[in-house]
């Protein structure tokens, strides 16, 4: 009597990978829900941390850069609103990158025992951070109401800039997650990169203060276009969007994602051996 066998090949086409990913979508939902429960398990205030982190950072930036350094605001918005608007995409990007880059190592036992599309693991944390983003976005609306800051009609474009931040974060995450499986140094490098990125991104200041001859180069940081886009969508018609920089952010983010998927797919067959 012949027994049915399933043969898993190393070389898969894009169509094979897409079909396989769709077949395991339930596992993606399960991992995302598990990560959400684990993140706030045994914490006193639970999901309130999703609000406190950007809120406390906003207070620090407002005191240091807004009150002491007296940096100019963008448009007519209060400094606190300008900063919190930037904190939303930044914390989504940084949290997703940090969680996703460690995801392969953190799920080593599952990877070594069963087969499934490995790319599901670094994608799952993005769903958790989207929930955190939604909670923080509500706080931003409350903050804007408190300061009597009207919403711009351009808020309809906000999902596109959120998508851009997902593309940028996922592209970098796939690179680092694949490298971290073999070189554990990246668990120490990533927090340093994110801390550095917090200060070089236009969070406590407007990117318009960057000299014109350097703005395009400054836009090589993909979060510059995302943060500028969030402010442009939310804070009124008097804010100008630097289109050349946005194009750079879009192209760079797309390149990071495409190359990240290719690199991760090439390395995933070695995960079970090196973990």
Protein backbone atom coordinates (compact mmCIF):
# COMPACT_ATOMS: atom_id res chain seq x y z
CA UNK A 1 0.00 0.00 0.00
CA UNK A 2 1.51 3.28 -1.08
CA UNK A 3 1.61 6.14 1.41
CA UNK A 4 1.05 9.69 0.18
CA UNK A 5 4.07 11.94 0.61
CA UNK A 6 4.53 15.69 0.50
CA UNK A 7 7.83 16.85 -0.94
CA UNK A 8 9.07 20.30 0.04
CA UNK A 9 11.54 21.77 -2.42
CA UNK A 10 14.01 24.57 -1.72
CA UNK A 11 13.43 26.35 -5.00
CA UNK A 12 9.96 27.87 -5.07
CA UNK A 13 8.47 30.28 -7.53
CA UNK A 14 6.78 33.51 -6.46
CA UNK A 15 3.43 31.90 -7.24
CA UNK A 16 4.26 28.91 -5.03
CA UNK A 17 5.30 31.19 -2.16
CA UNK A 18 2.16 33.32 -2.48
CA UNK A 19 -0.14 30.30 -2.52
CA UNK A 20 1.68 28.78 0.43
CA UNK A 21 1.46 32.03 2.40
CA UNK A 22 -2.30 32.19 1.82
CA UNK A 23 -2.74 28.57 2.92
CA UNK A 24 -1.08 29.36 6.26
CA UNK A 25 -2.92 32.66 6.89
CA UNK A 26 -4.61 31.19 9.98
CA UNK A 27 -1.19 30.65 11.52
CA UNK A 28 -0.42 34.33 10.91
CA UNK A 29 -3.55 35.35 12.83
CA UNK A 30 -2.68 32.96 15.65
CA UNK A 31 0.88 34.29 16.00
CA UNK A 32 -0.33 37.89 15.94
CA UNK A 33 -2.91 37.22 18.67
CA UNK A 34 -0.33 35.32 20.74
CA UNK A 35 2.15 38.19 20.46
CA UNK A 36 -0.52 40.68 21.52
CA UNK A 37 -1.39 38.70 24.65
CA UNK A 38 2.25 38.09 25.58
CA UNK A 39 3.25 41.75 25.14
CA UNK A 40 1.06 43.05 27.95
CA UNK A 41 0.80 39.92 30.07
CA UNK A 42 1.58 40.51 33.76
CA UNK A 43 1.78 44.28 33.31
CA UNK A 44 -0.11 46.54 35.69
CA UNK A 45 -1.53 48.98 33.13
CA UNK A 46 -1.62 46.65 30.11
CA UNK A 47 -2.27 48.23 26.71
CA UNK A 48 -1.94 51.69 28.26
CA UNK A 49 1.77 51.30 27.52
CA UNK A 50 0.88 51.79 23.85
CA UNK A 51 -0.17 55.32 24.82
CA UNK A 52 2.39 56.12 27.51
CA UNK A 53 5.49 55.50 25.42
CA UNK A 54 4.80 58.10 22.70
CA UNK A 55 3.11 60.41 25.22
CA UNK A 56 6.09 60.52 27.59
CA UNK A 57 8.51 60.93 24.68
CA UNK A 58 6.38 63.83 23.44
CA UNK A 59 6.64 65.49 26.86
CA UNK A 60 10.45 65.14 26.85
CA UNK A 61 10.76 66.52 23.31
CA UNK A 62 8.38 69.37 24.11
CA UNK A 63 10.37 70.42 27.18
CA UNK A 64 13.85 70.01 25.67
CA UNK A 65 13.31 71.14 22.09
CA UNK A 66 10.12 73.17 22.28
CA UNK A 67 10.57 75.12 25.53
CA UNK A 68 14.33 75.15 26.10
CA UNK A 69 15.70 75.08 22.55
CA UNK A 70 12.65 76.91 21.12
CA UNK A 71 12.72 75.07 17.81
CA UNK A 72 10.18 76.38 15.29
CA UNK A 73 6.92 74.51 14.77
CA UNK A 74 5.56 73.36 11.42
CA UNK A 75 2.52 75.31 10.29
CA UNK A 76 0.22 76.72 12.98
CA UNK A 77 0.03 73.57 15.12
CA UNK A 78 1.18 73.52 18.76
CA UNK A 79 4.59 71.97 19.28
CA UNK A 80 3.18 69.06 21.32
CA UNK A 81 0.77 68.11 18.53
CA UNK A 82 3.54 68.35 15.92
CA UNK A 83 5.73 65.99 17.94
CA UNK A 84 3.00 63.48 18.77
CA UNK A 85 1.99 63.33 15.09
CA UNK A 86 5.55 62.28 14.28
CA UNK A 87 5.70 59.84 17.20
CA UNK A 88 2.84 57.76 15.76
CA UNK A 89 4.66 56.47 12.64
CA UNK A 90 8.03 56.42 14.41
CA UNK A 91 6.86 54.17 17.25
CA UNK A 92 5.05 51.92 14.81
CA UNK A 93 8.23 51.65 12.73
CA UNK A 94 10.62 51.15 15.65
CA UNK A 95 8.42 48.69 17.57
CA UNK A 96 7.73 46.63 14.46
CA UNK A 97 11.39 46.57 13.52
CA UNK A 98 12.52 45.56 17.00
CA UNK A 99 9.90 42.83 17.41
CA UNK A 100 10.22 41.49 13.89
CA UNK A 101 14.03 41.41 13.84
CA UNK A 102 14.05 39.11 16.89
CA UNK A 103 11.10 36.98 15.82
CA UNK A 104 13.03 34.19 14.09
CA UNK A 105 15.30 33.60 17.09
CA UNK A 106 12.39 33.84 19.53
CA UNK A 107 10.49 31.15 17.59
CA UNK A 108 13.44 28.81 17.10
CA UNK A 109 11.66 25.82 18.65
CA UNK A 110 8.70 26.07 16.29
CA UNK A 111 10.94 26.54 13.25
CA UNK A 112 13.01 23.45 14.03
CA UNK A 113 9.95 21.19 14.54
CA UNK A 114 7.36 21.99 11.88
CA UNK A 115 7.25 23.37 8.37
CA UNK A 116 5.40 26.55 7.41
CA UNK A 117 6.35 29.68 5.42
CA UNK A 118 8.95 31.29 7.68
CA UNK A 119 8.13 34.78 6.46
CA UNK A 120 4.92 34.60 8.50
CA UNK A 121 6.93 34.98 11.72
CA UNK A 122 8.44 38.46 11.06
CA UNK A 123 5.14 39.69 9.61
CA UNK A 124 3.03 38.79 12.67
CA UNK A 125 4.38 41.58 14.97
CA UNK A 126 3.11 44.20 12.51
CA UNK A 127 -0.50 43.32 13.35
CA UNK A 128 0.16 43.84 17.06
CA UNK A 129 1.80 47.20 16.44
CA UNK A 130 -1.07 48.26 14.17
CA UNK A 131 -3.38 47.82 17.16
CA UNK A 132 -1.04 49.95 19.27
CA UNK A 133 -1.00 52.52 16.48
CA UNK A 134 -4.80 52.67 16.43
CA UNK A 135 -4.90 53.30 20.19
CA UNK A 136 -2.29 56.05 19.97
CA UNK A 137 -4.10 57.62 17.02
CA UNK A 138 -7.19 58.08 19.19
CA UNK A 139 -5.01 59.87 21.76
CA UNK A 140 -3.72 62.15 19.00
CA UNK A 141 -7.28 63.09 18.09
CA UNK A 142 -7.96 63.90 21.75
CA UNK A 143 -4.77 65.99 21.90
CA UNK A 144 -5.72 67.87 18.75
CA UNK A 145 -9.17 68.58 20.18
CA UNK A 146 -7.58 69.84 23.42
CA UNK A 147 -5.38 72.29 21.47
CA UNK A 148 -8.23 73.17 19.08
CA UNK A 149 -6.25 71.90 16.11
CA UNK A 150 -8.61 71.14 13.20
CA UNK A 151 -8.18 68.00 11.13
CA UNK A 152 -7.18 68.50 7.52
CA UNK A 153 -9.24 67.00 4.71
CA UNK A 154 -5.98 65.43 3.55
CA UNK A 155 -6.36 62.84 6.31
CA UNK A 156 -7.83 60.60 3.59
CA UNK A 157 -4.25 60.07 2.36
CA UNK A 158 -3.01 58.92 5.77
CA UNK A 159 -3.39 55.16 5.04
CA UNK A 160 -0.94 55.56 2.14
CA UNK A 161 1.76 56.94 4.43
CA UNK A 162 1.02 54.24 7.00
CA UNK A 163 1.49 51.70 4.21
CA UNK A 164 4.80 53.36 3.35
CA UNK A 165 5.98 52.95 6.95
CA UNK A 166 4.95 49.25 6.85
CA UNK A 167 6.91 48.72 3.64
CA UNK A 168 10.01 50.42 5.06
CA UNK A 169 9.86 48.60 8.41
CA UNK A 170 9.16 45.19 6.87
CA UNK A 171 11.96 45.54 4.34
CA UNK A 172 14.54 46.32 7.03
CA UNK A 173 13.06 43.72 9.39
CA UNK A 174 13.39 40.88 6.88
CA UNK A 175 17.05 41.68 6.36
CA UNK A 176 17.82 41.85 10.07
CA UNK A 177 15.66 38.86 11.06
CA UNK A 178 17.47 36.65 8.55
CA UNK A 179 20.90 37.90 9.64
CA UNK A 180 20.06 37.69 13.33
CA UNK A 181 19.33 33.98 12.99
CA UNK A 182 23.04 33.41 12.46
CA UNK A 183 24.69 36.52 13.87
CA UNK A 184 23.19 37.32 17.27
CA UNK A 185 25.06 40.64 17.42
CA UNK A 186 22.07 42.26 15.74
CA UNK A 187 19.99 42.02 18.92
CA UNK A 188 22.39 44.62 20.36
CA UNK A 189 22.80 46.64 17.17
CA UNK A 190 19.09 47.22 16.49
CA UNK A 191 18.31 49.17 19.73
CA UNK A 192 21.31 51.42 19.05
CA UNK A 193 20.16 52.06 15.47
CA UNK A 194 16.64 52.89 16.65
CA UNK A 195 17.86 55.24 19.36
CA UNK A 196 20.06 57.00 16.85
CA UNK A 197 17.20 57.12 14.35
CA UNK A 198 14.90 58.73 16.91
CA UNK A 199 17.11 61.83 17.00
CA UNK A 200 18.02 62.09 13.33
CA UNK A 201 14.40 61.72 12.18
CA UNK A 202 12.28 64.91 12.07
CA UNK A 203 10.35 64.15 15.26
CA UNK A 204 11.31 67.03 17.54
CA UNK A 205 11.71 69.39 14.61
CA UNK A 206 10.42 70.04 11.12
CA UNK A 207 12.45 68.68 8.20
CA UNK A 208 12.00 72.10 6.59
CA UNK A 209 14.81 73.43 8.82
CA UNK A 210 17.28 71.19 6.94
CA UNK A 211 19.20 73.31 4.38
CA UNK A 212 17.80 72.89 0.89
CA UNK A 213 21.03 71.42 -0.50
CA UNK A 214 20.90 68.61 2.07
CA UNK A 215 17.19 67.78 2.08
CA UNK A 216 17.35 65.15 -0.65
CA UNK A 217 20.25 63.41 1.09
CA UNK A 218 18.40 63.65 4.40
CA UNK A 219 15.45 61.90 2.76
CA UNK A 220 17.55 58.74 2.44
CA UNK A 221 16.17 58.10 5.90
CA UNK A 222 12.87 56.52 4.74
CA UNK A 223 11.05 57.74 7.86
CA UNK A 224 11.55 61.35 6.79
CA UNK A 225 9.00 60.99 4.01
CA UNK A 226 6.63 59.07 6.28
CA UNK A 227 6.75 61.63 9.11
CA UNK A 228 6.46 64.57 6.73
CA UNK A 229 3.49 62.82 5.14
CA UNK A 230 1.73 62.29 8.46
CA UNK A 231 2.08 65.97 9.32
CA UNK A 232 0.93 67.00 5.86
CA UNK A 233 -2.16 64.79 6.18
CA UNK A 234 -3.13 65.81 9.71
CA UNK A 235 -1.97 69.33 10.50
CA UNK A 236 -3.45 71.63 7.89
CA UNK A 237 -3.02 73.13 4.45
CA UNK A 238 -0.14 75.43 5.40
CA UNK A 239 2.30 72.50 5.57
CA UNK A 240 4.18 71.80 2.36
CA UNK A 241 5.19 68.29 1.34
CA UNK A 242 8.73 67.94 -0.05
CA UNK A 243 7.94 65.81 -3.10
CA UNK A 244 11.51 64.89 -4.17
CA UNK A 245 12.17 63.56 -0.67
CA UNK A 246 8.91 61.61 -0.70
CA UNK A 247 9.86 59.98 -4.00
CA UNK A 248 13.22 58.99 -2.49
CA UNK A 249 11.46 57.46 0.54
CA UNK A 250 9.05 55.49 -1.67
CA UNK A 251 11.76 54.15 -3.97
CA UNK A 252 14.12 53.28 -1.11
CA UNK A 253 11.36 51.57 0.91
CA UNK A 254 10.28 49.52 -2.12
CA UNK A 255 13.88 48.47 -2.77
CA UNK A 256 14.31 47.46 0.88
CA UNK A 257 11.15 45.35 0.78
CA UNK A 258 11.93 43.59 -2.51
CA UNK A 259 15.53 42.87 -1.55
CA UNK A 260 14.45 41.89 1.98
CA UNK A 261 11.98 39.30 0.68
CA UNK A 262 14.59 37.89 -1.71
CA UNK A 263 17.30 37.73 0.98
CA UNK A 264 14.97 36.22 3.59
CA UNK A 265 13.71 33.58 1.13
CA UNK A 266 17.28 32.60 0.28
CA UNK A 267 18.32 32.30 3.93
CA UNK A 268 15.21 30.68 5.41
CA UNK A 269 16.23 27.18 4.33
CA UNK A 270 19.19 27.46 6.74
CA UNK A 271 17.25 28.64 9.80
CA UNK A 272 16.67 25.20 11.30
CA UNK A 273 20.41 24.46 11.06
CA UNK A 274 21.76 27.65 12.60
CA UNK A 275 19.20 28.27 15.34
